[in-house]
Protein backbone atom coordinates (compact mmCIF):
# COMPACT_ATOMS: atom_id res chain seq x y z
CA UNK A 1 0.00 0.00 0.00
CA UNK A 2 1.07 3.58 -0.61
CA UNK A 3 -0.22 6.97 0.42
CA UNK A 4 0.68 10.40 -0.89
CA UNK A 5 1.07 13.49 1.25
CA UNK A 6 -2.34 14.50 -0.07
CA UNK A 7 -3.93 11.32 1.23
CA UNK A 8 -4.38 9.37 -2.00
CA UNK A 9 -4.01 5.66 -1.38
CA UNK A 10 -3.20 2.61 -3.45
CA UNK A 11 -3.42 -1.05 -2.45
CA UNK A 12 -2.44 -4.36 -3.95
CA UNK A 13 -5.61 -6.30 -4.76
CA UNK A 14 -4.90 -9.05 -2.24
CA UNK A 15 -5.19 -6.68 0.74
CA UNK A 16 -8.03 -4.44 -0.37
CA UNK A 17 -10.77 -4.34 2.23
CA UNK A 18 -8.47 -5.79 4.91
CA UNK A 19 -5.59 -3.33 5.22
CA UNK A 20 -5.69 0.43 5.71
CA UNK A 21 -2.78 2.81 5.32
CA UNK A 22 -2.62 6.19 7.00
CA UNK A 23 -0.01 8.87 7.64
CA UNK A 24 0.68 11.86 9.81
CA UNK A 25 2.53 14.40 7.70
CA UNK A 26 3.45 16.55 10.68
CA UNK A 27 5.11 13.62 12.44
CA UNK A 28 6.46 11.93 9.29
CA UNK A 29 4.87 8.65 10.27
CA UNK A 30 2.95 6.07 8.29
CA UNK A 31 0.84 3.24 9.64
CA UNK A 32 -0.62 0.05 8.24
CA UNK A 33 -3.64 -1.42 9.97
CA UNK A 34 -3.90 -5.07 8.98
CA UNK A 35 -7.12 -6.94 9.70
CA UNK A 36 -8.37 -10.41 8.82
CA UNK A 37 -4.80 -11.57 8.40
CA UNK A 38 -4.10 -14.70 6.40
CA UNK A 39 -1.11 -17.05 6.39
CA UNK A 40 -0.29 -15.68 2.91
CA UNK A 41 0.33 -12.28 4.54
CA UNK A 42 3.40 -13.72 6.27
CA UNK A 43 6.40 -11.67 5.16
CA UNK A 44 8.93 -9.07 6.15
CA UNK A 45 7.22 -5.70 5.80
CA UNK A 46 9.32 -2.74 4.72
CA UNK A 47 8.51 0.92 5.08
ModelCIF file with pLDDT and N, C-alpha, C, O atoms, coordinates in Angstrom:
data_MODEL
#
_entry.id   MODEL 
#
_entity.id                         1 
_entity.type                       polymer 
_entity.pdbx_number_of_molecules   1 
#
_entity_poly.entity_id                      1 
_entity_poly.type                           'polypeptide(L)' 
_entity_poly.nstd_linkage                   no 
_entity_poly.nstd_monomer                   no 
_entity_poly.pdbx_seq_one_letter_code       
;(UNK)(UNK)(UNK)(UNK)(UNK)(UNK)(UNK)(UNK)(UNK)(UNK)(UNK)(UNK)(UNK)(UNK)(UNK)(UNK)
(UNK)(UNK)(UNK)(UNK)(UNK)(UNK)(UNK)(UNK)(UNK)(UNK)(UNK)(UNK)(UNK)(UNK)(UNK)(UNK)
(UNK)(UNK)(UNK)(UNK)(UNK)(UNK)(UNK)(UNK)(UNK)(UNK)(UNK)(UNK)(UNK)(UNK)(UNK)
;
_entity_poly.pdbx_seq_one_letter_code_can   XXXXXXXXXXXXXXXXXXXXXXXXXXXXXXXXXXXXXXXXXXXXXXX 
_entity_poly.pdbx_strand_id                 A 
#
loop_
_entity_poly_seq.entity_id 
_entity_poly_seq.num 
_entity_poly_seq.mon_id 
_entity_poly_seq.hetero 
1 1  UNK n 
1 2  UNK n 
1 3  UNK n 
1 4  UNK n 
1 5  UNK n 
1 6  UNK n 
1 7  UNK n 
1 8  UNK n 
1 9  UNK n 
1 10 UNK n 
1 11 UNK n 
1 12 UNK n 
1 13 UNK n 
1 14 UNK n 
1 15 UNK n 
1 16 UNK n 
1 17 UNK n 
1 18 UNK n 
1 19 UNK n 
1 20 UNK n 
1 21 UNK n 
1 22 UNK n 
1 23 UNK n 
1 24 UNK n 
1 25 UNK n 
1 26 UNK n 
1 27 UNK n 
1 28 UNK n 
1 29 UNK n 
1 30 UNK n 
1 31 UNK n 
1 32 UNK n 
1 33 UNK n 
1 34 UNK n 
1 35 UNK n 
1 36 UNK n 
1 37 UNK n 
1 38 UNK n 
1 39 UNK n 
1 40 UNK n 
1 41 UNK n 
1 42 UNK n 
1 43 UNK n 
1 44 UNK n 
1 45 UNK n 
1 46 UNK n 
1 47 UNK n 
#
_struct_asym.id          A 
_struct_asym.entity_id   1 
#
loop_
_ma_qa_metric.id 
_ma_qa_metric.mode 
_ma_qa_metric.name 
_ma_qa_metric.software_group_id 
_ma_qa_metric.type 
1 global pLDDT . pLDDT 
2 local  pLDDT . pLDDT 
#
_ma_qa_metric_global.metric_id      1 
_ma_qa_metric_global.metric_value   96.38 
_ma_qa_metric_global.model_id       1 
_ma_qa_metric_global.ordinal_id     1 
#
loop_
_ma_qa_metric_local.label_asym_id 
_ma_qa_metric_local.label_comp_id 
_ma_qa_metric_local.label_seq_id 
_ma_qa_metric_local.metric_id 
_ma_qa_metric_local.metric_value 
_ma_qa_metric_local.model_id 
_ma_qa_metric_local.ordinal_id 
A UNK 1  2 98.00 1 1  
A UNK 2  2 98.00 1 2  
A UNK 3  2 97.00 1 3  
A UNK 4  2 94.00 1 4  
A UNK 5  2 90.00 1 5  
A UNK 6  2 92.00 1 6  
A UNK 7  2 94.00 1 7  
A UNK 8  2 97.00 1 8  
A UNK 9  2 98.00 1 9  
A UNK 10 2 98.00 1 10 
A UNK 11 2 98.00 1 11 
A UNK 12 2 98.00 1 12 
A UNK 13 2 98.00 1 13 
A UNK 14 2 97.00 1 14 
A UNK 15 2 98.00 1 15 
A UNK 16 2 98.00 1 16 
A UNK 17 2 98.00 1 17 
A UNK 18 2 98.00 1 18 
A UNK 19 2 98.00 1 19 
A UNK 20 2 98.00 1 20 
A UNK 21 2 98.00 1 21 
A UNK 22 2 97.00 1 22 
A UNK 23 2 95.00 1 23 
A UNK 24 2 93.00 1 24 
A UNK 25 2 89.00 1 25 
A UNK 26 2 89.00 1 26 
A UNK 27 2 91.00 1 27 
A UNK 28 2 91.00 1 28 
A UNK 29 2 94.00 1 29 
A UNK 30 2 96.00 1 30 
A UNK 31 2 98.00 1 31 
A UNK 32 2 98.00 1 32 
A UNK 33 2 98.00 1 33 
A UNK 34 2 98.00 1 34 
A UNK 35 2 98.00 1 35 
A UNK 36 2 98.00 1 36 
A UNK 37 2 98.00 1 37 
A UNK 38 2 98.00 1 38 
A UNK 39 2 97.00 1 39 
A UNK 40 2 96.00 1 40 
A UNK 41 2 98.00 1 41 
A UNK 42 2 98.00 1 42 
A UNK 43 2 98.00 1 43 
A UNK 44 2 98.00 1 44 
A UNK 45 2 98.00 1 45 
A UNK 46 2 98.00 1 46 
A UNK 47 2 97.00 1 47 
#
loop_
_atom_site.group_PDB 
_atom_site.id 
_atom_site.type_symbol 
_atom_site.label_atom_id 
_atom_site.label_alt_id 
_atom_site.label_comp_id 
_atom_site.label_asym_id 
_atom_site.label_entity_id 
_atom_site.label_seq_id 
_atom_site.pdbx_PDB_ins_code 
_atom_site.Cartn_x 
_atom_site.Cartn_y 
_atom_site.Cartn_z 
_atom_site.occupancy 
_atom_site.B_iso_or_equiv 
_atom_site.pdbx_formal_charge 
_atom_site.auth_seq_id 
_atom_site.auth_comp_id 
_atom_site.auth_asym_id 
_atom_site.auth_atom_id 
_atom_site.pdbx_PDB_model_num 
ATOM 1   N N  . UNK A 1 1  ? 0.844   -1.185  0.000  1.00 98.00 ? 1  UNK A N  1 
ATOM 2   C CA . UNK A 1 1  ? 0.000   0.000   0.000  1.00 98.00 ? 1  UNK A CA 1 
ATOM 3   C C  . UNK A 1 1  ? 0.883   1.240   0.000  1.00 98.00 ? 1  UNK A C  1 
ATOM 4   O O  . UNK A 1 1  ? 1.981   1.241   0.556  1.00 98.00 ? 1  UNK A O  1 
ATOM 5   N N  . UNK A 1 2  ? 0.380   2.296   -0.636 1.00 98.00 ? 2  UNK A N  1 
ATOM 6   C CA . UNK A 1 2  ? 1.071   3.579   -0.615 1.00 98.00 ? 2  UNK A CA 1 
ATOM 7   C C  . UNK A 1 2  ? 0.072   4.687   -0.324 1.00 98.00 ? 2  UNK A C  1 
ATOM 8   O O  . UNK A 1 2  ? -1.134  4.535   -0.520 1.00 98.00 ? 2  UNK A O  1 
ATOM 9   N N  . UNK A 1 3  ? 0.607   5.804   0.149  1.00 97.00 ? 3  UNK A N  1 
ATOM 10  C CA . UNK A 1 3  ? -0.221  6.968   0.424  1.00 97.00 ? 3  UNK A CA 1 
ATOM 11  C C  . UNK A 1 3  ? 0.599   8.217   0.125  1.00 97.00 ? 3  UNK A C  1 
ATOM 12  O O  . UNK A 1 3  ? 1.758   8.324   0.526  1.00 97.00 ? 3  UNK A O  1 
ATOM 13  N N  . UNK A 1 4  ? -0.012  9.154   -0.579 1.00 94.00 ? 4  UNK A N  1 
ATOM 14  C CA . UNK A 1 4  ? 0.680   10.400  -0.886 1.00 94.00 ? 4  UNK A CA 1 
ATOM 15  C C  . UNK A 1 4  ? 0.495   11.402  0.257  1.00 94.00 ? 4  UNK A C  1 
ATOM 16  O O  . UNK A 1 4  ? -0.300  11.181  1.171  1.00 94.00 ? 4  UNK A O  1 
ATOM 17  N N  . UNK A 1 5  ? 1.232   12.489  0.188  1.00 90.00 ? 5  UNK A N  1 
ATOM 18  C CA . UNK A 1 5  ? 1.073   13.490  1.249  1.00 90.00 ? 5  UNK A CA 1 
ATOM 19  C C  . UNK A 1 5  ? -0.280  14.187  1.159  1.00 90.00 ? 5  UNK A C  1 
ATOM 20  O O  . UNK A 1 5  ? -0.674  14.901  2.080  1.00 90.00 ? 5  UNK A O  1 
ATOM 21  N N  . UNK A 1 6  ? -0.990  13.983  0.055  1.00 92.00 ? 6  UNK A N  1 
ATOM 22  C CA . UNK A 1 6  ? -2.340  14.503  -0.069 1.00 92.00 ? 6  UNK A CA 1 
ATOM 23  C C  . UNK A 1 6  ? -3.410  13.529  0.373  1.00 92.00 ? 6  UNK A C  1 
ATOM 24  O O  . UNK A 1 6  ? -4.595  13.863  0.400  1.00 92.00 ? 6  UNK A O  1 
ATOM 25  N N  . UNK A 1 7  ? -2.988  12.315  0.721  1.00 94.00 ? 7  UNK A N  1 
ATOM 26  C CA . UNK A 1 7  ? -3.927  11.323  1.235  1.00 94.00 ? 7  UNK A CA 1 
ATOM 27  C C  . UNK A 1 7  ? -4.434  10.308  0.226  1.00 94.00 ? 7  UNK A C  1 
ATOM 28  O O  . UNK A 1 7  ? -5.262  9.466   0.573  1.00 94.00 ? 7  UNK A O  1 
ATOM 29  N N  . UNK A 1 8  ? -3.964  10.363  -1.004 1.00 97.00 ? 8  UNK A N  1 
ATOM 30  C CA . UNK A 1 8  ? -4.384  9.372   -2.000 1.00 97.00 ? 8  UNK A CA 1 
ATOM 31  C C  . UNK A 1 8  ? -3.717  8.034   -1.699 1.00 97.00 ? 8  UNK A C  1 
ATOM 32  O O  . UNK A 1 8  ? -2.516  7.965   -1.440 1.00 97.00 ? 8  UNK A O  1 
ATOM 33  N N  . UNK A 1 9  ? -4.515  6.982   -1.738 1.00 98.00 ? 9  UNK A N  1 
ATOM 34  C CA . UNK A 1 9  ? -4.009  5.658   -1.377 1.00 98.00 ? 9  UNK A CA 1 
ATOM 35  C C  . UNK A 1 9  ? -4.073  4.686   -2.549 1.00 98.00 ? 9  UNK A C  1 
ATOM 36  O O  . UNK A 1 9  ? -4.839  4.857   -3.496 1.00 98.00 ? 9  UNK A O  1 
ATOM 37  N N  . UNK A 1 10 ? -3.236  3.660   -2.442 1.00 98.00 ? 10 UNK A N  1 
ATOM 38  C CA . UNK A 1 10 ? -3.199  2.610   -3.451 1.00 98.00 ? 10 UNK A CA 1 
ATOM 39  C C  . UNK A 1 10 ? -2.890  1.310   -2.728 1.00 98.00 ? 10 UNK A C  1 
ATOM 40  O O  . UNK A 1 10 ? -2.027  1.269   -1.852 1.00 98.00 ? 10 UNK A O  1 
ATOM 41  N N  . UNK A 1 11 ? -3.601  0.240   -3.099 1.00 98.00 ? 11 UNK A N  1 
ATOM 42  C CA . UNK A 1 11 ? -3.420  -1.053  -2.446 1.00 98.00 ? 11 UNK A CA 1 
ATOM 43  C C  . UNK A 1 11 ? -3.250  -2.160  -3.483 1.00 98.00 ? 11 UNK A C  1 
ATOM 44  O O  . UNK A 1 11 ? -3.825  -2.099  -4.570 1.00 98.00 ? 11 UNK A O  1 
ATOM 45  N N  . UNK A 1 12 ? -2.467  -3.154  -3.139 1.00 98.00 ? 12 UNK A N  1 
ATOM 46  C CA . UNK A 1 12 ? -2.442  -4.361  -3.953 1.00 98.00 ? 12 UNK A CA 1 
ATOM 47  C C  . UNK A 1 12 ? -3.775  -5.067  -3.759 1.00 98.00 ? 12 UNK A C  1 
ATOM 48  O O  . UNK A 1 12 ? -4.352  -5.022  -2.673 1.00 98.00 ? 12 UNK A O  1 
ATOM 49  N N  . UNK A 1 13 ? -4.265  -5.717  -4.808 1.00 98.00 ? 13 UNK A N  1 
ATOM 50  C CA . UNK A 1 13 ? -5.607  -6.300  -4.759 1.00 98.00 ? 13 UNK A CA 1 
ATOM 51  C C  . UNK A 1 13 ? -5.792  -7.265  -3.588 1.00 98.00 ? 13 UNK A C  1 
ATOM 52  O O  . UNK A 1 13 ? -6.875  -7.333  -3.005 1.00 98.00 ? 13 UNK A O  1 
ATOM 53  N N  . UNK A 1 14 ? -4.752  -8.001  -3.247 1.00 97.00 ? 14 UNK A N  1 
ATOM 54  C CA . UNK A 1 14 ? -4.895  -9.049  -2.238 1.00 97.00 ? 14 UNK A CA 1 
ATOM 55  C C  . UNK A 1 14 ? -5.169  -8.516  -0.833 1.00 97.00 ? 14 UNK A C  1 
ATOM 56  O O  . UNK A 1 14 ? -5.569  -9.282  0.044  1.00 97.00 ? 14 UNK A O  1 
ATOM 57  N N  . UNK A 1 15 ? -4.962  -7.221  -0.602 1.00 98.00 ? 15 UNK A N  1 
ATOM 58  C CA . UNK A 1 15 ? -5.188  -6.680  0.742  1.00 98.00 ? 15 UNK A CA 1 
ATOM 59  C C  . UNK A 1 15 ? -6.338  -5.686  0.797  1.00 98.00 ? 15 UNK A C  1 
ATOM 60  O O  . UNK A 1 15 ? -6.681  -5.188  1.869  1.00 98.00 ? 15 UNK A O  1 
ATOM 61  N N  . UNK A 1 16 ? -6.927  -5.400  -0.345 1.00 98.00 ? 16 UNK A N  1 
ATOM 62  C CA . UNK A 1 16 ? -8.030  -4.437  -0.371 1.00 98.00 ? 16 UNK A CA 1 
ATOM 63  C C  . UNK A 1 16 ? -9.178  -4.913  0.516  1.00 98.00 ? 16 UNK A C  1 
ATOM 64  O O  . UNK A 1 16 ? -9.581  -6.075  0.465  1.00 98.00 ? 16 UNK A O  1 
ATOM 65  N N  . UNK A 1 17 ? -9.688  -4.004  1.319  1.00 98.00 ? 17 UNK A N  1 
ATOM 66  C CA . UNK A 1 17 ? -10.768 -4.337  2.234  1.00 98.00 ? 17 UNK A CA 1 
ATOM 67  C C  . UNK A 1 17 ? -10.289 -4.897  3.562  1.00 98.00 ? 17 UNK A C  1 
ATOM 68  O O  . UNK A 1 17 ? -11.076 -5.026  4.499  1.00 98.00 ? 17 UNK A O  1 
ATOM 69  N N  . UNK A 1 18 ? -9.010  -5.229  3.655  1.00 98.00 ? 18 UNK A N  1 
ATOM 70  C CA . UNK A 1 18 ? -8.472  -5.789  4.906  1.00 98.00 ? 18 UNK A CA 1 
ATOM 71  C C  . UNK A 1 18 ? -7.434  -4.871  5.549  1.00 98.00 ? 18 UNK A C  1 
ATOM 72  O O  . UNK A 1 18 ? -7.351  -4.783  6.775  1.00 98.00 ? 18 UNK A O  1 
ATOM 73  N N  . UNK A 1 19 ? -6.652  -4.195  4.728  1.00 98.00 ? 19 UNK A N  1 
ATOM 74  C CA . UNK A 1 19 ? -5.585  -3.329  5.223  1.00 98.00 ? 19 UNK A CA 1 
ATOM 75  C C  . UNK A 1 19 ? -5.962  -1.870  4.991  1.00 98.00 ? 19 UNK A C  1 
ATOM 76  O O  . UNK A 1 19 ? -6.668  -1.543  4.037  1.00 98.00 ? 19 UNK A O  1 
ATOM 77  N N  . UNK A 1 20 ? -5.485  -1.010  5.865  1.00 98.00 ? 20 UNK A N  1 
ATOM 78  C CA . UNK A 1 20 ? -5.694  0.427   5.712  1.00 98.00 ? 20 UNK A CA 1 
ATOM 79  C C  . UNK A 1 20 ? -4.410  1.172   6.043  1.00 98.00 ? 20 UNK A C  1 
ATOM 80  O O  . UNK A 1 20 ? -3.822  0.986   7.108  1.00 98.00 ? 20 UNK A O  1 
ATOM 81  N N  . UNK A 1 21 ? -3.986  2.017   5.111  1.00 98.00 ? 21 UNK A N  1 
ATOM 82  C CA . UNK A 1 21 ? -2.776  2.813   5.318  1.00 98.00 ? 21 UNK A CA 1 
ATOM 83  C C  . UNK A 1 21 ? -3.163  4.229   5.712  1.00 98.00 ? 21 UNK A C  1 
ATOM 84  O O  . UNK A 1 21 ? -4.153  4.773   5.223  1.00 98.00 ? 21 UNK A O  1 
ATOM 85  N N  . UNK A 1 22 ? -2.380  4.814   6.589  1.00 97.00 ? 22 UNK A N  1 
ATOM 86  C CA . UNK A 1 22 ? -2.623  6.194   7.002  1.00 97.00 ? 22 UNK A CA 1 
ATOM 87  C C  . UNK A 1 22 ? -1.275  6.851   7.301  1.00 97.00 ? 22 UNK A C  1 
ATOM 88  O O  . UNK A 1 22 ? -0.275  6.163   7.504  1.00 97.00 ? 22 UNK A O  1 
ATOM 89  N N  . UNK A 1 23 ? -1.258  8.173   7.326  1.00 95.00 ? 23 UNK A N  1 
ATOM 90  C CA . UNK A 1 23 ? -0.008  8.865   7.637  1.00 95.00 ? 23 UNK A CA 1 
ATOM 91  C C  . UNK A 1 23 ? -0.293  10.148  8.388  1.00 95.00 ? 23 UNK A C  1 
ATOM 92  O O  . UNK A 1 23 ? -1.380  10.719  8.307  1.00 95.00 ? 23 UNK A O  1 
ATOM 93  N N  . UNK A 1 24 ? 0.719   10.580  9.120  1.00 93.00 ? 24 UNK A N  1 
ATOM 94  C CA . UNK A 1 24 ? 0.675   11.864  9.815  1.00 93.00 ? 24 UNK A CA 1 
ATOM 95  C C  . UNK A 1 24 ? 1.813   12.692  9.238  1.00 93.00 ? 24 UNK A C  1 
ATOM 96  O O  . UNK A 1 24 ? 2.975   12.472  9.579  1.00 93.00 ? 24 UNK A O  1 
ATOM 97  N N  . UNK A 1 25 ? 1.493   13.631  8.379  1.00 89.00 ? 25 UNK A N  1 
ATOM 98  C CA . UNK A 1 25 ? 2.534   14.400  7.702  1.00 89.00 ? 25 UNK A CA 1 
ATOM 99  C C  . UNK A 1 25 ? 3.368   15.218  8.686  1.00 89.00 ? 25 UNK A C  1 
ATOM 100 O O  . UNK A 1 25 ? 4.574   15.381  8.499  1.00 89.00 ? 25 UNK A O  1 
ATOM 101 N N  . UNK A 1 26 ? 2.733   15.722  9.716  1.00 89.00 ? 26 UNK A N  1 
ATOM 102 C CA . UNK A 1 26 ? 3.448   16.553  10.683 1.00 89.00 ? 26 UNK A CA 1 
ATOM 103 C C  . UNK A 1 26 ? 4.493   15.744  11.449 1.00 89.00 ? 26 UNK A C  1 
ATOM 104 O O  . UNK A 1 26 ? 5.546   16.263  11.819 1.00 89.00 ? 26 UNK A O  1 
ATOM 105 N N  . UNK A 1 27 ? 4.190   14.475  11.681 1.00 91.00 ? 27 UNK A N  1 
ATOM 106 C CA . UNK A 1 27 ? 5.107   13.622  12.439 1.00 91.00 ? 27 UNK A CA 1 
ATOM 107 C C  . UNK A 1 27 ? 5.950   12.722  11.545 1.00 91.00 ? 27 UNK A C  1 
ATOM 108 O O  . UNK A 1 27 ? 6.793   11.973  12.037 1.00 91.00 ? 27 UNK A O  1 
ATOM 109 N N  . UNK A 1 28 ? 5.728   12.791  10.236 1.00 91.00 ? 28 UNK A N  1 
ATOM 110 C CA . UNK A 1 28 ? 6.465   11.934  9.289  1.00 91.00 ? 28 UNK A CA 1 
ATOM 111 C C  . UNK A 1 28 ? 6.343   10.461  9.662  1.00 91.00 ? 28 UNK A C  1 
ATOM 112 O O  . UNK A 1 28 ? 7.329   9.725   9.691  1.00 91.00 ? 28 UNK A O  1 
ATOM 113 N N  . UNK A 1 29 ? 5.128   10.054  9.942  1.00 94.00 ? 29 UNK A N  1 
ATOM 114 C CA . UNK A 1 29 ? 4.871   8.654   10.270 1.00 94.00 ? 29 UNK A CA 1 
ATOM 115 C C  . UNK A 1 29 ? 3.829   8.078   9.308  1.00 94.00 ? 29 UNK A C  1 
ATOM 116 O O  . UNK A 1 29 ? 2.979   8.793   8.778  1.00 94.00 ? 29 UNK A O  1 
ATOM 117 N N  . UNK A 1 30 ? 3.923   6.787   9.104  1.00 96.00 ? 30 UNK A N  1 
ATOM 118 C CA . UNK A 1 30 ? 2.952   6.073   8.289  1.00 96.00 ? 30 UNK A CA 1 
ATOM 119 C C  . UNK A 1 30 ? 2.589   4.791   9.022  1.00 96.00 ? 30 UNK A C  1 
ATOM 120 O O  . UNK A 1 30 ? 3.437   4.162   9.655  1.00 96.00 ? 30 UNK A O  1 
ATOM 121 N N  . UNK A 1 31 ? 1.331   4.413   8.931  1.00 98.00 ? 31 UNK A N  1 
ATOM 122 C CA . UNK A 1 31 ? 0.839   3.241   9.636  1.00 98.00 ? 31 UNK A CA 1 
ATOM 123 C C  . UNK A 1 31 ? 0.127   2.313   8.665  1.00 98.00 ? 31 UNK A C  1 
ATOM 124 O O  . UNK A 1 31 ? -0.391  2.739   7.632  1.00 98.00 ? 31 UNK A O  1 
ATOM 125 N N  . UNK A 1 32 ? 0.114   1.037   9.021  1.00 98.00 ? 32 UNK A N  1 
ATOM 126 C CA . UNK A 1 32 ? -0.622  0.055   8.237  1.00 98.00 ? 32 UNK A CA 1 
ATOM 127 C C  . UNK A 1 32 ? -1.441  -0.793  9.208  1.00 98.00 ? 32 UNK A C  1 
ATOM 128 O O  . UNK A 1 32 ? -0.891  -1.596  9.962  1.00 98.00 ? 32 UNK A O  1 
ATOM 129 N N  . UNK A 1 33 ? -2.738  -0.609  9.181  1.00 98.00 ? 33 UNK A N  1 
ATOM 130 C CA . UNK A 1 33 ? -3.640  -1.422  9.973  1.00 98.00 ? 33 UNK A CA 1 
ATOM 131 C C  . UNK A 1 33 ? -4.008  -2.648  9.165  1.00 98.00 ? 33 UNK A C  1 
ATOM 132 O O  . UNK A 1 33 ? -4.574  -2.540  8.077  1.00 98.00 ? 33 UNK A O  1 
ATOM 133 N N  . UNK A 1 34 ? -3.684  -3.819  9.701  1.00 98.00 ? 34 UNK A N  1 
ATOM 134 C CA . UNK A 1 34 ? -3.903  -5.071  8.978  1.00 98.00 ? 34 UNK A CA 1 
ATOM 135 C C  . UNK A 1 34 ? -4.922  -5.907  9.739  1.00 98.00 ? 34 UNK A C  1 
ATOM 136 O O  . UNK A 1 34 ? -4.687  -6.314  10.876 1.00 98.00 ? 34 UNK A O  1 
ATOM 137 N N  . UNK A 1 35 ? -6.041  -6.152  9.103  1.00 98.00 ? 35 UNK A N  1 
ATOM 138 C CA . UNK A 1 35 ? -7.121  -6.935  9.702  1.00 98.00 ? 35 UNK A CA 1 
ATOM 139 C C  . UNK A 1 35 ? -7.353  -8.208  8.892  1.00 98.00 ? 35 UNK A C  1 
ATOM 140 O O  . UNK A 1 35 ? -6.906  -8.323  7.750  1.00 98.00 ? 35 UNK A O  1 
ATOM 141 N N  . UNK A 1 36 ? -8.050  -9.147  9.494  1.00 98.00 ? 36 UNK A N  1 
ATOM 142 C CA . UNK A 1 36 ? -8.374  -10.410 8.815  1.00 98.00 ? 36 UNK A CA 1 
ATOM 143 C C  . UNK A 1 36 ? -7.134  -11.021 8.180  1.00 98.00 ? 36 UNK A C  1 
ATOM 144 O O  . UNK A 1 36 ? -7.158  -11.430 7.019  1.00 98.00 ? 36 UNK A O  1 
ATOM 145 N N  . UNK A 1 37 ? -6.074  -11.079 8.932  1.00 98.00 ? 37 UNK A N  1 
ATOM 146 C CA . UNK A 1 37 ? -4.800  -11.566 8.403  1.00 98.00 ? 37 UNK A CA 1 
ATOM 147 C C  . UNK A 1 37 ? -4.878  -13.027 8.001  1.00 98.00 ? 37 UNK A C  1 
ATOM 148 O O  . UNK A 1 37 ? -5.573  -13.829 8.625  1.00 98.00 ? 37 UNK A O  1 
ATOM 149 N N  . UNK A 1 38 ? -4.148  -13.352 6.944  1.00 98.00 ? 38 UNK A N  1 
ATOM 150 C CA . UNK A 1 38 ? -4.097  -14.701 6.402  1.00 98.00 ? 38 UNK A CA 1 
ATOM 151 C C  . UNK A 1 38 ? -2.665  -15.201 6.446  1.00 98.00 ? 38 UNK A C  1 
ATOM 152 O O  . UNK A 1 38 ? -1.732  -14.399 6.484  1.00 98.00 ? 38 UNK A O  1 
ATOM 153 N N  . UNK A 1 39 ? -2.476  -16.515 6.441  1.00 97.00 ? 39 UNK A N  1 
ATOM 154 C CA . UNK A 1 39 ? -1.107  -17.047 6.393  1.00 97.00 ? 39 UNK A CA 1 
ATOM 155 C C  . UNK A 1 39 ? -0.308  -16.504 5.202  1.00 97.00 ? 39 UNK A C  1 
ATOM 156 O O  . UNK A 1 39 ? 0.908   -16.340 5.302  1.00 97.00 ? 39 UNK A O  1 
ATOM 157 N N  . UNK A 1 40 ? -0.975  -16.224 4.084  1.00 96.00 ? 40 UNK A N  1 
ATOM 158 C CA . UNK A 1 40 ? -0.291  -15.679 2.908  1.00 96.00 ? 40 UNK A CA 1 
ATOM 159 C C  . UNK A 1 40 ? 0.246   -14.266 3.141  1.00 96.00 ? 40 UNK A C  1 
ATOM 160 O O  . UNK A 1 40 ? 1.050   -13.773 2.349  1.00 96.00 ? 40 UNK A O  1 
ATOM 161 N N  . UNK A 1 41 ? -0.187  -13.618 4.210  1.00 98.00 ? 41 UNK A N  1 
ATOM 162 C CA . UNK A 1 41 ? 0.333   -12.284 4.535  1.00 98.00 ? 41 UNK A CA 1 
ATOM 163 C C  . UNK A 1 41 ? 1.680   -12.356 5.258  1.00 98.00 ? 41 UNK A C  1 
ATOM 164 O O  . UNK A 1 41 ? 2.306   -11.325 5.506  1.00 98.00 ? 41 UNK A O  1 
ATOM 165 N N  . UNK A 1 42 ? 2.118   -13.548 5.589  1.00 98.00 ? 42 UNK A N  1 
ATOM 166 C CA . UNK A 1 42 ? 3.401   -13.716 6.269  1.00 98.00 ? 42 UNK A CA 1 
ATOM 167 C C  . UNK A 1 42 ? 4.535   -13.210 5.387  1.00 98.00 ? 42 UNK A C  1 
ATOM 168 O O  . UNK A 1 42 ? 4.699   -13.650 4.249  1.00 98.00 ? 42 UNK A O  1 
ATOM 169 N N  . UNK A 1 43 ? 5.312   -12.282 5.929  1.00 98.00 ? 43 UNK A N  1 
ATOM 170 C CA . UNK A 1 43 ? 6.397   -11.672 5.165  1.00 98.00 ? 43 UNK A CA 1 
ATOM 171 C C  . UNK A 1 43 ? 7.144   -10.694 6.061  1.00 98.00 ? 43 UNK A C  1 
ATOM 172 O O  . UNK A 1 43 ? 6.710   -10.377 7.168  1.00 98.00 ? 43 UNK A O  1 
ATOM 173 N N  . UNK A 1 44 ? 8.269   -10.230 5.555  1.00 98.00 ? 44 UNK A N  1 
ATOM 174 C CA . UNK A 1 44 ? 8.926   -9.069  6.151  1.00 98.00 ? 44 UNK A CA 1 
ATOM 175 C C  . UNK A 1 44 ? 8.328   -7.838  5.487  1.00 98.00 ? 44 UNK A C  1 
ATOM 176 O O  . UNK A 1 44 ? 8.300   -7.733  4.261  1.00 98.00 ? 44 UNK A O  1 
ATOM 177 N N  . UNK A 1 45 ? 7.858   -6.920  6.297  1.00 98.00 ? 45 UNK A N  1 
ATOM 178 C CA . UNK A 1 45 ? 7.219   -5.696  5.802  1.00 98.00 ? 45 UNK A CA 1 
ATOM 179 C C  . UNK A 1 45 ? 8.203   -4.537  5.912  1.00 98.00 ? 45 UNK A C  1 
ATOM 180 O O  . UNK A 1 45 ? 8.783   -4.286  6.969  1.00 98.00 ? 45 UNK A O  1 
ATOM 181 N N  . UNK A 1 46 ? 8.374   -3.846  4.804  1.00 98.00 ? 46 UNK A N  1 
ATOM 182 C CA . UNK A 1 46 ? 9.323   -2.742  4.716  1.00 98.00 ? 46 UNK A CA 1 
ATOM 183 C C  . UNK A 1 46 ? 8.590   -1.422  4.526  1.00 98.00 ? 46 UNK A C  1 
ATOM 184 O O  . UNK A 1 46 ? 7.658   -1.321  3.728  1.00 98.00 ? 46 UNK A O  1 
ATOM 185 N N  . UNK A 1 47 ? 9.017   -0.433  5.256  1.00 97.00 ? 47 UNK A N  1 
ATOM 186 C CA . UNK A 1 47 ? 8.512   0.917   5.080  1.00 97.00 ? 47 UNK A CA 1 
ATOM 187 C C  . UNK A 1 47 ? 9.311   1.603   3.976  1.00 97.00 ? 47 UNK A C  1 
ATOM 188 O O  . UNK A 1 47 ? 9.052   2.763   3.656  1.00 97.00 ? 47 UNK A O  1 
#
